[in-house]
Amino acid sequence: MRAILLLVLLIGFTVVAGAGDSAPYVTPAVGSASRKQLMDTLRIPAEEHLGQAVVFKVSALRVMGDWAFFLGTAIQPNGNPVDFRKSKAYRENPRETKSEIEAGMLYGGVDALLKREGNRWRILVITYDASDVHWNDYDQKFGAPHRLIADPIR
């Protein structure tokens, strides 16, 4: 009898322990307070990096509990692509940045992993114009739920 009770408890614990990563993520609705808070959190460093006001064209925005993952493109509020000649990179190294612009390497791409602390979001990592999928290990590096970062374009 004890063995059966122990087995039932062990199975129940395994199901509950694994549920966190298999739970569905949500995408905050356009215009929602949650989405606005996430976009505003991302906008501050993006505008500093790009040297101009931006809005985001969202490819993926996922929230699971206190975790969020964003993948998208920064554009000017009028819908035009960002002007990389205004960027921090261009100011610091105009020759290299101009070469990257001419090669089409800069496109305004932004991806970020965020964690909620209290009632605020904190950016754990933000990347601009990535040329590869580099977030696949964020579950191991930061403890983010794997489902949050897996196949973010879907």
Protein backbone atom coordinates (compact mmCIF):
# COMPACT_ATOMS: atom_id res chain seq x y z
CA MET A 1 0.00 0.00 0.00
CA ARG A 2 2.80 2.43 0.88
CA ALA A 3 4.52 1.67 -2.43
CA ILE A 4 1.35 2.51 -4.35
CA LEU A 5 0.86 5.75 -2.38
CA LEU A 6 4.49 6.70 -2.97
CA LEU A 7 4.12 5.96 -6.69
CA VAL A 8 0.96 8.08 -6.93
CA LEU A 9 2.68 10.98 -5.12
CA LEU A 10 5.75 10.67 -7.34
CA ILE A 11 3.68 10.67 -10.53
CA GLY A 12 1.64 13.65 -9.28
CA PHE A 13 4.79 15.58 -8.43
CA THR A 14 6.29 14.84 -11.86
CA VAL A 15 3.15 16.08 -13.64
CA VAL A 16 2.99 19.27 -11.56
CA ALA A 17 6.75 19.93 -11.88
CA GLY A 18 6.61 19.57 -15.65
CA ALA A 19 3.46 21.63 -16.09
CA GLY A 20 5.22 24.98 -15.89
CA ASP A 21 7.07 24.53 -19.15
CA SER A 22 4.17 22.96 -21.03
CA ALA A 23 1.65 25.59 -20.00
CA PRO A 24 0.62 27.78 -22.90
CA TYR A 25 2.10 31.19 -23.39
CA VAL A 26 -0.13 34.16 -24.09
CA THR A 27 0.29 37.05 -26.48
CA PRO A 28 -0.97 40.28 -24.92
CA ALA A 29 -3.62 41.88 -27.10
CA VAL A 30 -2.85 44.99 -29.13
CA GLY A 31 -3.81 47.99 -27.01
CA SER A 32 -3.71 46.08 -23.72
CA ALA A 33 -1.94 47.53 -20.68
CA SER A 34 0.31 44.46 -20.53
CA ARG A 35 1.47 44.84 -24.13
CA LYS A 36 2.01 48.59 -23.69
CA GLN A 37 4.14 48.01 -20.60
CA LEU A 38 6.31 45.46 -22.44
CA MET A 39 6.70 47.66 -25.54
CA ASP A 40 7.55 50.70 -23.42
CA THR A 41 10.18 48.69 -21.54
CA LEU A 42 11.79 47.64 -24.83
CA ARG A 43 11.45 51.05 -26.45
CA ILE A 44 13.79 52.84 -24.00
CA PRO A 45 16.99 50.94 -24.91
CA ALA A 46 15.96 50.57 -28.57
CA GLU A 47 15.58 54.34 -28.98
CA GLU A 48 18.90 54.90 -27.24
CA HIS A 49 20.57 52.32 -29.50
CA LEU A 50 18.97 53.60 -32.69
CA GLY A 51 19.09 57.32 -31.85
CA GLN A 52 15.47 57.99 -32.79
CA ALA A 53 11.87 57.36 -31.79
CA VAL A 54 10.66 53.87 -32.66
CA VAL A 55 7.61 51.65 -32.58
CA PHE A 56 7.71 47.90 -33.03
CA LYS A 57 6.38 45.62 -35.72
CA VAL A 58 5.83 42.50 -33.60
CA SER A 59 6.67 39.08 -35.02
CA ALA A 60 6.32 37.27 -31.68
CA LEU A 61 5.40 38.40 -28.19
CA ARG A 62 5.00 35.65 -25.65
CA VAL A 63 4.30 35.84 -21.94
CA MET A 64 4.42 32.89 -19.53
CA GLY A 65 3.98 33.89 -15.92
CA ASP A 66 6.83 36.26 -15.06
CA TRP A 67 8.68 35.69 -18.36
CA ALA A 68 8.33 37.40 -21.74
CA PHE A 69 10.05 36.92 -25.10
CA PHE A 70 9.90 39.48 -27.90
CA LEU A 71 10.93 39.21 -31.54
CA GLY A 72 10.24 42.05 -33.94
CA THR A 73 11.44 45.02 -35.95
CA ALA A 74 11.95 48.59 -34.81
CA ILE A 75 10.54 51.12 -37.27
CA GLN A 76 9.93 54.86 -37.18
CA PRO A 77 6.52 55.96 -35.85
CA ASN A 78 5.57 57.01 -39.43
CA GLY A 79 6.11 53.40 -40.58
CA ASN A 80 9.41 54.00 -42.39
CA PRO A 81 12.48 51.91 -41.63
CA VAL A 82 14.83 53.31 -39.00
CA ASP A 83 17.62 55.60 -40.21
CA PHE A 84 20.78 53.81 -39.07
CA ARG A 85 22.82 56.97 -39.65
CA LYS A 86 21.27 58.21 -36.39
CA SER A 87 22.27 55.09 -34.45
CA LYS A 88 24.77 54.84 -31.64
CA ALA A 89 26.82 52.41 -33.76
CA TYR A 90 27.02 54.93 -36.60
CA ARG A 91 28.11 57.70 -34.25
CA GLU A 92 30.79 55.47 -32.74
CA ASN A 93 32.01 53.82 -35.94
CA PRO A 94 30.49 55.43 -39.05
CA ARG A 95 32.69 53.63 -41.55
CA GLU A 96 31.86 50.12 -40.34
CA THR A 97 28.18 50.92 -39.82
CA LYS A 98 27.91 52.44 -43.30
CA SER A 99 29.40 49.24 -44.70
CA GLU A 100 26.83 47.17 -42.76
CA ILE A 101 24.02 49.41 -44.03
CA GLU A 102 25.19 49.01 -47.63
CA ALA A 103 25.47 45.23 -47.18
CA GLY A 104 21.87 45.06 -45.88
CA MET A 105 22.98 43.66 -42.53
CA LEU A 106 20.97 46.18 -40.51
CA TYR A 107 17.22 45.81 -40.65
CA GLY A 108 15.95 47.04 -37.27
CA GLY A 109 15.61 43.57 -35.79
CA VAL A 110 15.11 43.37 -32.04
CA ASP A 111 14.77 40.35 -29.79
CA ALA A 112 14.64 40.32 -26.03
CA LEU A 113 14.04 38.18 -22.98
CA LEU A 114 12.32 39.93 -20.08
CA LYS A 115 11.42 38.96 -16.54
CA ARG A 116 8.77 40.56 -14.38
CA GLU A 117 9.97 41.80 -11.02
CA GLY A 118 7.06 42.99 -8.94
CA ASN A 119 4.94 45.12 -11.27
CA ARG A 120 7.77 46.02 -13.70
CA TRP A 121 9.49 44.19 -16.53
CA ARG A 122 13.28 43.96 -16.58
CA ILE A 123 15.21 43.20 -19.76
CA LEU A 124 17.61 40.32 -19.18
CA VAL A 125 19.01 40.41 -22.69
CA ILE A 126 18.27 42.47 -25.80
CA THR A 127 19.87 41.98 -29.21
CA TYR A 128 19.71 44.08 -32.35
CA ASP A 129 19.92 42.85 -35.96
CA ALA A 130 20.85 39.29 -35.08
CA SER A 131 21.91 37.13 -37.99
CA ASP A 132 21.15 33.82 -36.26
CA VAL A 133 18.84 32.20 -33.73
CA HIS A 134 20.81 32.75 -30.55
CA TRP A 135 18.05 32.47 -27.92
CA ASN A 136 17.70 28.68 -27.93
CA ASP A 137 19.71 28.39 -24.71
CA TYR A 138 17.91 31.13 -22.76
CA ASP A 139 16.17 28.40 -20.80
CA GLN A 140 19.56 27.16 -19.58
CA LYS A 141 21.26 30.58 -19.24
CA PHE A 142 18.41 32.45 -17.57
CA GLY A 143 15.90 29.80 -16.47
CA ALA A 144 13.23 30.92 -18.95
CA PRO A 145 10.58 28.33 -19.85
CA HIS A 146 11.72 26.47 -22.97
CA ARG A 147 8.27 26.73 -24.57
CA LEU A 148 8.54 30.53 -24.36
CA ILE A 149 11.58 30.64 -26.65
CA ALA A 150 11.00 27.60 -28.84
CA ASP A 151 10.11 28.37 -32.46
CA PRO A 152 9.19 32.03 -31.82
CA ILE A 153 7.91 32.78 -35.33
CA ARG A 154 4.88 30.49 -35.07
